[in-house]
Amino acid sequence: MGIVTLVSGGFDSTLMSLMAQEEGVELFPLFVDYGQLGVEKEWDACKRLHEKHGLPSVTRTDLSGFGNTIPSGITNPRLRINEDAFLPGRNLLFVLIGAAYAFKVHANSIALGLIDPSQHLFPDQTREFAEACEAMIETAIGARIQVLTPLIEFSKRDILAMAEARGLTGTYSCHAGGDRACGVCIACVEIANAKKRR
């Protein structure tokens, strides 16, 4: 069984890949440049972490026009980093490119780093979204490709603990794209809040 892991260089997607590796699953990591402000920092972290942990090399795909055409706070520095953070269709874009890639490399599933739905902010971060995507994929490309969400039962606090247990450091998650975490974007606040609860 092969899995296309949609990776970003952050805690969630890197942990997801490490867990799949522990299960002996063949991985096809895919990094999506959708025009995000932190794309180069994410990409650098992604490559470095995969090399450090003995994960397969990552394939990068350029869909940066998406974020330019449909700007949000995570793709356009002139918009508000939090209030305008929602990028409609982002996870659907990930699933579509992941499924098409899976079809080409003969993998039978793709994995998204979605976490506990009770902590979700946007409609494309739920089990229902993932399940609906499977039917869409089968209709669109004529193949049954599972959409896995291996972290969906875990909170961010759980994920940080699991990552720490595996020696996972040096991730990058800040939506602002700076050299240091901004501390105010949704991703930074989520991590900070999880650390406080530990």
N, C-alpha and C. Protein backbone atom coordinates (compact mmCIF):
# COMPACT_ATOMS: atom_id res chain seq x y z
N MET A 1 0.85 -1.19 0.00
CA MET A 1 0.00 0.00 0.00
C MET A 1 0.88 1.24 0.00
N GLY A 2 0.71 2.14 -0.94
CA GLY A 2 1.46 3.37 -0.99
C GLY A 2 0.59 4.54 -0.60
N ILE A 3 1.19 5.52 0.08
CA ILE A 3 0.46 6.71 0.52
C ILE A 3 1.16 7.96 0.03
N VAL A 4 0.40 8.86 -0.58
CA VAL A 4 0.89 10.20 -0.87
C VAL A 4 0.64 11.03 0.38
N THR A 5 1.70 11.44 1.04
CA THR A 5 1.56 12.28 2.24
C THR A 5 1.70 13.73 1.82
N LEU A 6 0.69 14.52 2.14
CA LEU A 6 0.71 15.95 1.82
C LEU A 6 1.44 16.66 2.96
N VAL A 7 2.66 17.11 2.66
CA VAL A 7 3.55 17.60 3.71
C VAL A 7 3.85 19.08 3.55
N SER A 8 4.13 19.73 4.71
CA SER A 8 4.35 21.18 4.68
C SER A 8 5.56 21.63 5.49
N GLY A 9 6.22 20.70 6.19
CA GLY A 9 7.31 21.10 7.05
C GLY A 9 6.88 21.45 8.45
N GLY A 10 5.57 21.28 8.74
CA GLY A 10 5.06 21.56 10.07
C GLY A 10 4.97 20.30 10.93
N PHE A 11 4.53 20.46 12.17
CA PHE A 11 4.41 19.33 13.10
C PHE A 11 3.47 18.25 12.58
N ASP A 12 2.27 18.66 12.18
CA ASP A 12 1.23 17.69 11.85
C ASP A 12 1.63 16.78 10.69
N SER A 13 2.01 17.38 9.58
CA SER A 13 2.29 16.56 8.39
C SER A 13 3.57 15.75 8.54
N THR A 14 4.56 16.29 9.25
CA THR A 14 5.80 15.53 9.44
C THR A 14 5.57 14.35 10.38
N LEU A 15 4.81 14.58 11.45
CA LEU A 15 4.47 13.49 12.36
C LEU A 15 3.69 12.41 11.62
N MET A 16 2.75 12.82 10.80
CA MET A 16 1.95 11.88 10.01
C MET A 16 2.85 10.99 9.14
N SER A 17 3.86 11.58 8.53
CA SER A 17 4.79 10.82 7.69
C SER A 17 5.63 9.87 8.53
N LEU A 18 6.08 10.32 9.70
CA LEU A 18 6.87 9.46 10.57
C LEU A 18 6.06 8.26 11.04
N MET A 19 4.79 8.48 11.36
CA MET A 19 3.93 7.39 11.80
C MET A 19 3.71 6.37 10.69
N ALA A 20 3.54 6.86 9.47
CA ALA A 20 3.36 5.96 8.33
C ALA A 20 4.64 5.17 8.07
N GLN A 21 5.78 5.84 8.22
CA GLN A 21 7.07 5.17 8.05
C GLN A 21 7.23 4.05 9.07
N GLU A 22 6.81 4.31 10.30
CA GLU A 22 6.90 3.29 11.35
C GLU A 22 6.07 2.06 11.03
N GLU A 23 5.02 2.25 10.25
CA GLU A 23 4.16 1.13 9.84
C GLU A 23 4.70 0.42 8.61
N GLY A 24 5.81 0.90 8.07
CA GLY A 24 6.41 0.25 6.91
C GLY A 24 5.71 0.52 5.60
N VAL A 25 4.96 1.62 5.57
CA VAL A 25 4.20 1.97 4.36
C VAL A 25 5.10 2.73 3.38
N GLU A 26 4.95 2.45 2.10
CA GLU A 26 5.70 3.20 1.08
C GLU A 26 5.12 4.61 0.98
N LEU A 27 6.00 5.61 1.10
CA LEU A 27 5.55 7.00 1.11
C LEU A 27 5.95 7.74 -0.15
N PHE A 28 5.05 8.61 -0.58
CA PHE A 28 5.31 9.51 -1.70
C PHE A 28 4.99 10.93 -1.23
N PRO A 29 5.92 11.58 -0.52
CA PRO A 29 5.64 12.90 0.04
C PRO A 29 5.46 13.96 -1.07
N LEU A 30 4.45 14.80 -0.88
CA LEU A 30 4.15 15.84 -1.86
C LEU A 30 3.98 17.17 -1.14
N PHE A 31 4.75 18.17 -1.58
CA PHE A 31 4.67 19.52 -1.02
C PHE A 31 3.99 20.42 -2.04
N VAL A 32 3.00 21.17 -1.59
CA VAL A 32 2.23 22.03 -2.49
C VAL A 32 2.56 23.51 -2.23
N ASP A 33 3.08 24.16 -3.25
CA ASP A 33 3.24 25.61 -3.24
C ASP A 33 1.95 26.19 -3.80
N TYR A 34 1.10 26.72 -2.91
CA TYR A 34 -0.17 27.29 -3.35
C TYR A 34 -0.14 28.82 -3.27
N GLY A 35 1.08 29.38 -3.13
CA GLY A 35 1.23 30.82 -3.04
C GLY A 35 1.28 31.33 -1.61
N GLN A 36 1.51 30.44 -0.65
CA GLN A 36 1.55 30.83 0.76
C GLN A 36 2.77 31.70 1.06
N LEU A 37 2.62 32.61 2.01
CA LEU A 37 3.69 33.54 2.35
C LEU A 37 4.94 32.81 2.85
N GLY A 38 4.75 31.71 3.55
CA GLY A 38 5.88 30.99 4.12
C GLY A 38 6.41 29.87 3.27
N VAL A 39 6.15 29.90 1.97
CA VAL A 39 6.45 28.74 1.12
C VAL A 39 7.92 28.31 1.18
N GLU A 40 8.85 29.24 1.10
CA GLU A 40 10.27 28.84 1.06
C GLU A 40 10.75 28.32 2.42
N LYS A 41 10.26 28.92 3.50
CA LYS A 41 10.61 28.43 4.83
C LYS A 41 10.01 27.03 5.06
N GLU A 42 8.78 26.84 4.62
CA GLU A 42 8.14 25.53 4.73
C GLU A 42 8.90 24.49 3.92
N TRP A 43 9.27 24.87 2.70
CA TRP A 43 9.96 23.93 1.81
C TRP A 43 11.32 23.54 2.38
N ASP A 44 12.05 24.52 2.90
CA ASP A 44 13.36 24.22 3.50
C ASP A 44 13.21 23.28 4.69
N ALA A 45 12.23 23.54 5.55
CA ALA A 45 11.99 22.68 6.71
C ALA A 45 11.58 21.29 6.26
N CYS A 46 10.75 21.23 5.27
CA CYS A 46 10.27 19.95 4.75
C CYS A 46 11.43 19.07 4.26
N LYS A 47 12.27 19.64 3.43
CA LYS A 47 13.41 18.88 2.89
C LYS A 47 14.35 18.45 4.00
N ARG A 48 14.65 19.37 4.92
CA ARG A 48 15.59 19.08 6.00
C ARG A 48 15.05 17.98 6.92
N LEU A 49 13.77 18.06 7.27
CA LEU A 49 13.18 17.08 8.17
C LEU A 49 13.10 15.69 7.54
N HIS A 50 12.79 15.65 6.26
CA HIS A 50 12.72 14.35 5.58
C HIS A 50 14.10 13.69 5.51
N GLU A 51 15.10 14.52 5.27
CA GLU A 51 16.45 13.97 5.23
C GLU A 51 16.89 13.51 6.62
N LYS A 52 16.64 14.34 7.64
CA LYS A 52 17.04 14.03 9.01
C LYS A 52 16.42 12.73 9.51
N HIS A 53 15.16 12.52 9.17
CA HIS A 53 14.43 11.36 9.70
C HIS A 53 14.38 10.18 8.74
N GLY A 54 15.16 10.25 7.68
CA GLY A 54 15.21 9.12 6.75
C GLY A 54 13.93 8.89 5.97
N LEU A 55 13.17 9.95 5.77
CA LEU A 55 11.95 9.87 4.98
C LEU A 55 12.28 10.07 3.50
N PRO A 56 11.44 9.58 2.61
CA PRO A 56 11.73 9.74 1.18
C PRO A 56 11.81 11.21 0.76
N SER A 57 12.51 11.46 -0.32
CA SER A 57 12.61 12.82 -0.86
C SER A 57 11.23 13.34 -1.22
N VAL A 58 11.07 14.64 -1.07
CA VAL A 58 9.77 15.27 -1.29
C VAL A 58 9.67 15.82 -2.72
N THR A 59 8.53 15.59 -3.35
CA THR A 59 8.23 16.19 -4.64
C THR A 59 7.50 17.51 -4.40
N ARG A 60 7.92 18.55 -5.07
CA ARG A 60 7.28 19.86 -4.93
C ARG A 60 6.47 20.17 -6.18
N THR A 61 5.25 20.66 -5.99
CA THR A 61 4.42 21.05 -7.11
C THR A 61 4.05 22.53 -6.99
N ASP A 62 4.09 23.24 -8.10
CA ASP A 62 3.86 24.68 -8.11
C ASP A 62 2.43 25.00 -8.54
N LEU A 63 1.60 25.34 -7.57
CA LEU A 63 0.23 25.79 -7.83
C LEU A 63 0.06 27.19 -7.23
N SER A 64 1.15 27.96 -7.26
CA SER A 64 1.19 29.26 -6.59
C SER A 64 0.16 30.24 -7.14
N GLY A 65 -0.27 30.03 -8.36
CA GLY A 65 -1.28 30.92 -8.93
C GLY A 65 -2.59 30.88 -8.18
N PHE A 66 -2.84 29.79 -7.48
CA PHE A 66 -4.09 29.66 -6.72
C PHE A 66 -4.19 30.75 -5.66
N GLY A 67 -3.12 30.89 -4.87
CA GLY A 67 -3.13 31.90 -3.82
C GLY A 67 -3.09 33.32 -4.34
N ASN A 68 -2.57 33.49 -5.56
CA ASN A 68 -2.56 34.82 -6.16
C ASN A 68 -3.94 35.20 -6.68
N THR A 69 -4.64 34.24 -7.23
CA THR A 69 -5.97 34.49 -7.78
C THR A 69 -7.02 34.62 -6.68
N ILE A 70 -6.84 33.81 -5.62
CA ILE A 70 -7.79 33.83 -4.51
C ILE A 70 -7.00 34.21 -3.26
N PRO A 71 -6.71 35.48 -3.08
CA PRO A 71 -5.85 35.90 -1.98
C PRO A 71 -6.50 35.72 -0.62
N SER A 72 -5.67 35.48 0.37
CA SER A 72 -6.12 35.42 1.76
C SER A 72 -5.00 35.97 2.64
N GLY A 73 -5.21 35.98 3.93
CA GLY A 73 -4.20 36.49 4.84
C GLY A 73 -2.95 35.64 4.88
N ILE A 74 -3.01 34.42 4.35
CA ILE A 74 -1.83 33.56 4.35
C ILE A 74 -1.12 33.54 3.00
N THR A 75 -1.67 34.30 2.02
CA THR A 75 -1.02 34.40 0.72
C THR A 75 -0.72 35.84 0.30
N ASN A 76 -1.35 36.79 0.97
CA ASN A 76 -1.19 38.20 0.59
C ASN A 76 -0.86 39.03 1.83
N PRO A 77 0.34 39.62 1.88
CA PRO A 77 0.74 40.37 3.08
C PRO A 77 -0.09 41.63 3.33
N ARG A 78 -0.86 42.06 2.36
CA ARG A 78 -1.70 43.24 2.54
C ARG A 78 -3.01 42.92 3.27
N LEU A 79 -3.32 41.62 3.40
CA LEU A 79 -4.53 41.21 4.11
C LEU A 79 -4.18 40.83 5.54
N ARG A 80 -5.18 40.74 6.39
CA ARG A 80 -4.97 40.44 7.81
C ARG A 80 -4.64 38.96 7.99
N ILE A 81 -3.58 38.67 8.72
CA ILE A 81 -3.06 37.30 8.83
C ILE A 81 -4.06 36.35 9.49
N ASN A 82 -4.89 36.85 10.40
CA ASN A 82 -5.87 35.99 11.07
C ASN A 82 -7.27 36.15 10.51
N GLU A 83 -7.78 37.36 10.53
CA GLU A 83 -9.17 37.60 10.13
C GLU A 83 -9.43 37.19 8.68
N ASP A 84 -8.41 37.28 7.84
CA ASP A 84 -8.57 36.92 6.42
C ASP A 84 -7.84 35.63 6.07
N ALA A 85 -7.62 34.78 7.08
CA ALA A 85 -6.79 33.58 6.87
C ALA A 85 -7.45 32.52 6.00
N PHE A 86 -8.78 32.45 5.99
CA PHE A 86 -9.44 31.38 5.26
C PHE A 86 -9.16 31.48 3.76
N LEU A 87 -8.63 30.41 3.20
CA LEU A 87 -8.38 30.32 1.75
C LEU A 87 -9.31 29.25 1.22
N PRO A 88 -10.47 29.64 0.67
CA PRO A 88 -11.47 28.66 0.25
C PRO A 88 -10.93 27.71 -0.81
N GLY A 89 -11.11 26.42 -0.55
CA GLY A 89 -10.68 25.41 -1.51
C GLY A 89 -9.27 24.91 -1.31
N ARG A 90 -8.55 25.41 -0.32
CA ARG A 90 -7.15 25.02 -0.15
C ARG A 90 -7.00 23.51 0.05
N ASN A 91 -7.72 22.96 1.03
CA ASN A 91 -7.58 21.53 1.28
C ASN A 91 -8.15 20.69 0.14
N LEU A 92 -9.17 21.21 -0.54
CA LEU A 92 -9.70 20.51 -1.70
C LEU A 92 -8.65 20.47 -2.81
N LEU A 93 -7.93 21.56 -2.97
CA LEU A 93 -6.82 21.61 -3.93
C LEU A 93 -5.77 20.56 -3.57
N PHE A 94 -5.42 20.48 -2.28
CA PHE A 94 -4.45 19.49 -1.82
C PHE A 94 -4.91 18.07 -2.16
N VAL A 95 -6.17 17.80 -1.87
CA VAL A 95 -6.70 16.45 -2.12
C VAL A 95 -6.68 16.13 -3.61
N LEU A 96 -7.06 17.08 -4.43
CA LEU A 96 -7.10 16.84 -5.87
C LEU A 96 -5.71 16.57 -6.44
N ILE A 97 -4.73 17.41 -6.11
CA ILE A 97 -3.39 17.19 -6.64
C ILE A 97 -2.78 15.92 -6.02
N GLY A 98 -3.10 15.67 -4.76
CA GLY A 98 -2.61 14.46 -4.11
C GLY A 98 -3.17 13.20 -4.74
N ALA A 99 -4.45 13.23 -5.08
CA ALA A 99 -5.09 12.07 -5.71
C ALA A 99 -4.55 11.83 -7.12
N ALA A 100 -4.37 12.91 -7.86
CA ALA A 100 -3.83 12.78 -9.22
C ALA A 100 -2.41 12.21 -9.17
N TYR A 101 -1.63 12.67 -8.20
CA TYR A 101 -0.27 12.16 -8.04
C TYR A 101 -0.30 10.69 -7.62
N ALA A 102 -1.20 10.37 -6.70
CA ALA A 102 -1.35 8.98 -6.26
C ALA A 102 -1.69 8.07 -7.44
N PHE A 103 -2.56 8.54 -8.30
CA PHE A 103 -2.95 7.76 -9.49
C PHE A 103 -1.72 7.47 -10.35
N LYS A 104 -0.87 8.46 -10.51
CA LYS A 104 0.31 8.31 -11.38
C LYS A 104 1.39 7.41 -10.78
N VAL A 105 1.53 7.45 -9.44
CA VAL A 105 2.58 6.64 -8.80
C VAL A 105 2.04 5.31 -8.27
N HIS A 106 0.76 5.05 -8.57
CA HIS A 106 0.10 3.79 -8.19
C HIS A 106 -0.01 3.63 -6.67
N ALA A 107 -0.23 4.75 -5.98
CA ALA A 107 -0.54 4.71 -4.55
C ALA A 107 -2.05 4.61 -4.40
N ASN A 108 -2.50 4.00 -3.32
CA ASN A 108 -3.95 3.83 -3.17
C ASN A 108 -4.58 4.75 -2.12
N SER A 109 -3.78 5.68 -1.60
CA SER A 109 -4.34 6.61 -0.63
C SER A 109 -3.50 7.88 -0.55
N ILE A 110 -4.13 8.90 0.00
CA ILE A 110 -3.43 10.14 0.31
C ILE A 110 -3.70 10.46 1.77
N ALA A 111 -2.80 11.16 2.42
CA ALA A 111 -2.96 11.47 3.84
C ALA A 111 -2.86 12.97 4.07
N LEU A 112 -3.83 13.48 4.81
CA LEU A 112 -3.89 14.89 5.20
C LEU A 112 -3.66 15.00 6.71
N GLY A 113 -2.95 16.02 7.14
CA GLY A 113 -2.66 16.21 8.55
C GLY A 113 -3.75 16.95 9.30
N LEU A 114 -5.01 16.56 9.11
CA LEU A 114 -6.10 17.18 9.86
C LEU A 114 -6.08 16.67 11.29
N ILE A 115 -6.39 17.54 12.25
CA ILE A 115 -6.39 17.14 13.65
C ILE A 115 -7.81 17.17 14.20
N ASP A 116 -7.95 16.96 15.50
CA ASP A 116 -9.23 16.89 16.19
C ASP A 116 -10.24 17.91 15.64
N PRO A 117 -11.36 17.43 15.05
CA PRO A 117 -12.32 18.35 14.45
C PRO A 117 -12.89 19.39 15.40
N SER A 118 -12.86 19.09 16.72
CA SER A 118 -13.39 20.07 17.67
C SER A 118 -12.54 21.34 17.69
N GLN A 119 -11.33 21.24 17.15
CA GLN A 119 -10.43 22.40 17.11
C GLN A 119 -10.41 23.06 15.72
N HIS A 120 -11.26 22.60 14.81
CA HIS A 120 -11.19 23.13 13.45
C HIS A 120 -11.83 24.52 13.36
N LEU A 121 -11.29 25.32 12.47
CA LEU A 121 -11.81 26.67 12.24
C LEU A 121 -12.55 26.77 10.91
N PHE A 122 -12.19 25.92 9.97
CA PHE A 122 -12.71 26.04 8.61
C PHE A 122 -13.43 24.74 8.19
N PRO A 123 -14.35 24.83 7.25
CA PRO A 123 -15.17 23.66 6.88
C PRO A 123 -14.41 22.51 6.22
N ASP A 124 -13.22 22.77 5.73
CA ASP A 124 -12.46 21.72 5.05
C ASP A 124 -11.44 21.05 5.97
N GLN A 125 -11.77 20.99 7.26
CA GLN A 125 -10.87 20.39 8.24
C GLN A 125 -11.58 19.30 9.05
N THR A 126 -12.55 18.61 8.44
CA THR A 126 -13.39 17.66 9.15
C THR A 126 -13.37 16.28 8.50
N ARG A 127 -13.86 15.28 9.23
CA ARG A 127 -14.03 13.93 8.68
C ARG A 127 -14.97 13.95 7.48
N GLU A 128 -16.05 14.73 7.62
CA GLU A 128 -17.04 14.80 6.55
C GLU A 128 -16.42 15.29 5.25
N PHE A 129 -15.53 16.26 5.37
CA PHE A 129 -14.83 16.76 4.19
C PHE A 129 -14.01 15.64 3.55
N ALA A 130 -13.23 14.92 4.35
CA ALA A 130 -12.38 13.85 3.83
C ALA A 130 -13.21 12.75 3.17
N GLU A 131 -14.32 12.38 3.79
CA GLU A 131 -15.17 11.34 3.23
C GLU A 131 -15.80 11.78 1.91
N ALA A 132 -16.24 13.03 1.85
CA ALA A 132 -16.83 13.54 0.62
C ALA A 132 -15.80 13.58 -0.51
N CYS A 133 -14.55 13.83 -0.15
CA CYS A 133 -13.49 13.90 -1.16
C CYS A 133 -13.26 12.55 -1.83
N GLU A 134 -13.41 11.46 -1.09
CA GLU A 134 -13.20 10.14 -1.68
C GLU A 134 -14.18 9.89 -2.82
N ALA A 135 -15.44 10.25 -2.61
CA ALA A 135 -16.44 10.08 -3.67
C ALA A 135 -16.12 10.99 -4.86
N MET A 136 -15.68 12.20 -4.58
CA MET A 136 -15.33 13.14 -5.64
C MET A 136 -14.16 12.61 -6.47
N ILE A 137 -13.15 12.05 -5.81
CA ILE A 137 -11.99 11.51 -6.51
C ILE A 137 -12.41 10.37 -7.43
N GLU A 138 -13.23 9.46 -6.90
CA GLU A 138 -13.64 8.31 -7.71
C GLU A 138 -14.41 8.76 -8.95
N THR A 139 -15.25 9.76 -8.78
CA THR A 139 -16.01 10.29 -9.91
C THR A 139 -15.09 10.99 -10.90
N ALA A 140 -14.11 11.73 -10.39
CA ALA A 140 -13.26 12.55 -11.25
C ALA A 140 -12.21 11.75 -12.00
N ILE A 141 -11.60 10.75 -11.36
CA ILE A 141 -10.50 10.04 -12.03
C ILE A 141 -10.73 8.55 -12.19
N GLY A 142 -11.90 8.06 -11.73
CA GLY A 142 -12.24 6.67 -11.96
C GLY A 142 -11.45 5.67 -11.15
N ALA A 143 -10.92 6.09 -10.02
CA ALA A 143 -10.16 5.19 -9.16
C ALA A 143 -10.54 5.45 -7.70
N ARG A 144 -10.54 4.40 -6.91
CA ARG A 144 -10.85 4.53 -5.49
C ARG A 144 -9.56 4.82 -4.73
N ILE A 145 -9.40 6.04 -4.30
CA ILE A 145 -8.22 6.45 -3.54
C ILE A 145 -8.70 6.97 -2.19
N GLN A 146 -8.23 6.33 -1.15
CA GLN A 146 -8.64 6.73 0.20
C GLN A 146 -8.04 8.08 0.59
N VAL A 147 -8.81 8.84 1.35
CA VAL A 147 -8.32 10.08 1.94
C VAL A 147 -8.17 9.82 3.43
N LEU A 148 -6.94 9.61 3.87
CA LEU A 148 -6.66 9.26 5.26
C LEU A 148 -6.41 10.51 6.11
N THR A 149 -6.88 10.46 7.33
CA THR A 149 -6.65 11.55 8.29
C THR A 149 -6.15 10.92 9.59
N PRO A 150 -4.90 10.45 9.61
CA PRO A 150 -4.41 9.66 10.74
C PRO A 150 -4.30 10.42 12.06
N LEU A 151 -4.38 11.74 12.03
CA LEU A 151 -4.26 12.53 13.26
C LEU A 151 -5.59 13.08 13.73
N ILE A 152 -6.68 12.68 13.10
CA ILE A 152 -7.98 13.30 13.34
C ILE A 152 -8.48 13.10 14.78
N GLU A 153 -7.96 12.10 15.48
CA GLU A 153 -8.39 11.84 16.86
C GLU A 153 -7.58 12.63 17.88
N PHE A 154 -6.56 13.34 17.41
CA PHE A 154 -5.61 13.96 18.34
C PHE A 154 -5.72 15.48 18.38
N SER A 155 -5.52 16.03 19.56
CA SER A 155 -5.46 17.48 19.72
C SER A 155 -4.05 17.95 19.37
N LYS A 156 -3.87 19.24 19.24
CA LYS A 156 -2.54 19.78 18.99
C LYS A 156 -1.59 19.46 20.15
N ARG A 157 -2.11 19.46 21.35
CA ARG A 157 -1.28 19.10 22.51
C ARG A 157 -0.79 17.65 22.37
N ASP A 158 -1.68 16.74 21.97
CA ASP A 158 -1.29 15.34 21.75
C ASP A 158 -0.20 15.25 20.70
N ILE A 159 -0.38 16.00 19.63
CA ILE A 159 0.55 15.95 18.50
C ILE A 159 1.94 16.44 18.91
N LEU A 160 1.97 17.51 19.69
CA LEU A 160 3.27 18.01 20.15
C LEU A 160 3.98 16.98 21.03
N ALA A 161 3.22 16.28 21.85
CA ALA A 161 3.81 15.25 22.71
C ALA A 161 4.33 14.08 21.86
N MET A 162 3.56 13.68 20.86
CA MET A 162 3.98 12.58 19.98
C MET A 162 5.20 12.98 19.16
N ALA A 163 5.24 14.22 18.74
CA ALA A 163 6.39 14.71 17.97
C ALA A 163 7.64 14.75 18.85
N GLU A 164 7.48 15.21 20.09
CA GLU A 164 8.60 15.29 21.02
C GLU A 164 9.16 13.89 21.29
N ALA A 165 8.28 12.91 21.41
CA ALA A 165 8.71 11.54 21.68
C ALA A 165 9.54 10.97 20.53
N ARG A 166 9.35 11.52 19.34
CA ARG A 166 10.09 11.06 18.16
C ARG A 166 11.28 11.96 17.83
N GLY A 167 11.56 12.91 18.70
CA GLY A 167 12.68 13.81 18.47
C GLY A 167 12.44 14.77 17.32
N LEU A 168 11.19 15.10 17.08
CA LEU A 168 10.84 15.97 15.95
C LEU A 168 10.98 17.44 16.36
N THR A 169 11.99 18.10 15.83
CA THR A 169 12.22 19.53 16.07
C THR A 169 12.55 20.20 14.74
N GLY A 170 12.56 21.52 14.74
CA GLY A 170 12.94 22.24 13.52
C GLY A 170 11.86 22.33 12.48
N THR A 171 10.60 22.18 12.91
CA THR A 171 9.49 22.32 11.97
C THR A 171 9.24 23.81 11.70
N TYR A 172 8.40 24.08 10.70
CA TYR A 172 8.04 25.47 10.40
C TYR A 172 6.55 25.52 10.11
N SER A 173 5.83 26.37 10.84
CA SER A 173 4.37 26.43 10.68
C SER A 173 3.81 27.84 10.55
N CYS A 174 4.63 28.86 10.72
CA CYS A 174 4.13 30.24 10.75
C CYS A 174 3.58 30.69 9.40
N HIS A 175 2.35 31.20 9.41
CA HIS A 175 1.71 31.65 8.18
C HIS A 175 2.29 32.96 7.65
N ALA A 176 2.98 33.70 8.51
CA ALA A 176 3.52 34.99 8.09
C ALA A 176 4.75 34.84 7.21
N GLY A 177 5.45 33.74 7.33
CA GLY A 177 6.58 33.46 6.43
C GLY A 177 7.89 34.11 6.82
N GLY A 178 8.01 34.61 8.05
CA GLY A 178 9.24 35.26 8.46
C GLY A 178 10.30 34.28 8.95
N ASP A 179 11.49 34.82 9.25
CA ASP A 179 12.57 33.98 9.76
C ASP A 179 12.24 33.41 11.14
N ARG A 180 11.47 34.15 11.90
CA ARG A 180 11.03 33.69 13.21
C ARG A 180 9.51 33.63 13.24
N ALA A 181 8.98 32.73 14.07
CA ALA A 181 7.53 32.61 14.20
C ALA A 181 6.94 33.95 14.66
N CYS A 182 5.87 34.37 14.01
CA CYS A 182 5.29 35.69 14.30
C CYS A 182 4.58 35.72 15.65
N GLY A 183 4.06 34.57 16.09
CA GLY A 183 3.38 34.51 17.37
C GLY A 183 1.94 34.96 17.36
N VAL A 184 1.46 35.45 16.21
CA VAL A 184 0.09 35.97 16.16
C VAL A 184 -0.80 35.28 15.13
N CYS A 185 -0.23 34.59 14.17
CA CYS A 185 -1.06 33.92 13.16
C CYS A 185 -1.75 32.72 13.79
N ILE A 186 -2.72 32.16 13.11
CA ILE A 186 -3.49 31.04 13.64
C ILE A 186 -2.60 29.87 14.01
N ALA A 187 -1.64 29.55 13.15
CA ALA A 187 -0.76 28.41 13.40
C ALA A 187 0.10 28.64 14.65
N CYS A 188 0.66 29.83 14.78
CA CYS A 188 1.50 30.13 15.94
C CYS A 188 0.69 30.11 17.23
N VAL A 189 -0.49 30.68 17.21
CA VAL A 189 -1.34 30.72 18.40
C VAL A 189 -1.78 29.31 18.80
N GLU A 190 -2.09 28.50 17.81
CA GLU A 190 -2.51 27.12 18.07
C GLU A 190 -1.40 26.34 18.79
N ILE A 191 -0.18 26.49 18.32
CA ILE A 191 0.95 25.80 18.94
C ILE A 191 1.22 26.35 20.34
N ALA A 192 1.19 27.67 20.49
CA ALA A 192 1.42 28.30 21.80
C ALA A 192 0.38 27.85 22.82
N ASN A 193 -0.89 27.79 22.42
CA ASN A 193 -1.95 27.37 23.32
C ASN A 193 -1.78 25.91 23.72
N ALA A 194 -1.36 25.08 22.78
CA ALA A 194 -1.16 23.66 23.07
C ALA A 194 -0.02 23.49 24.07
N LYS A 195 1.03 24.28 23.94
CA LYS A 195 2.16 24.18 24.86
C LYS A 195 1.76 24.62 26.26
N LYS A 196 0.89 25.61 26.37
CA LYS A 196 0.44 26.09 27.68
C LYS A 196 -0.34 25.03 28.43
N ARG A 197 -1.07 24.20 27.68
CA ARG A 197 -1.93 23.19 28.31
C ARG A 197 -1.16 21.96 28.75
N ARG A 198 0.11 21.86 28.33
CA ARG A 198 0.88 20.65 28.65
C ARG A 198 1.37 20.65 30.09
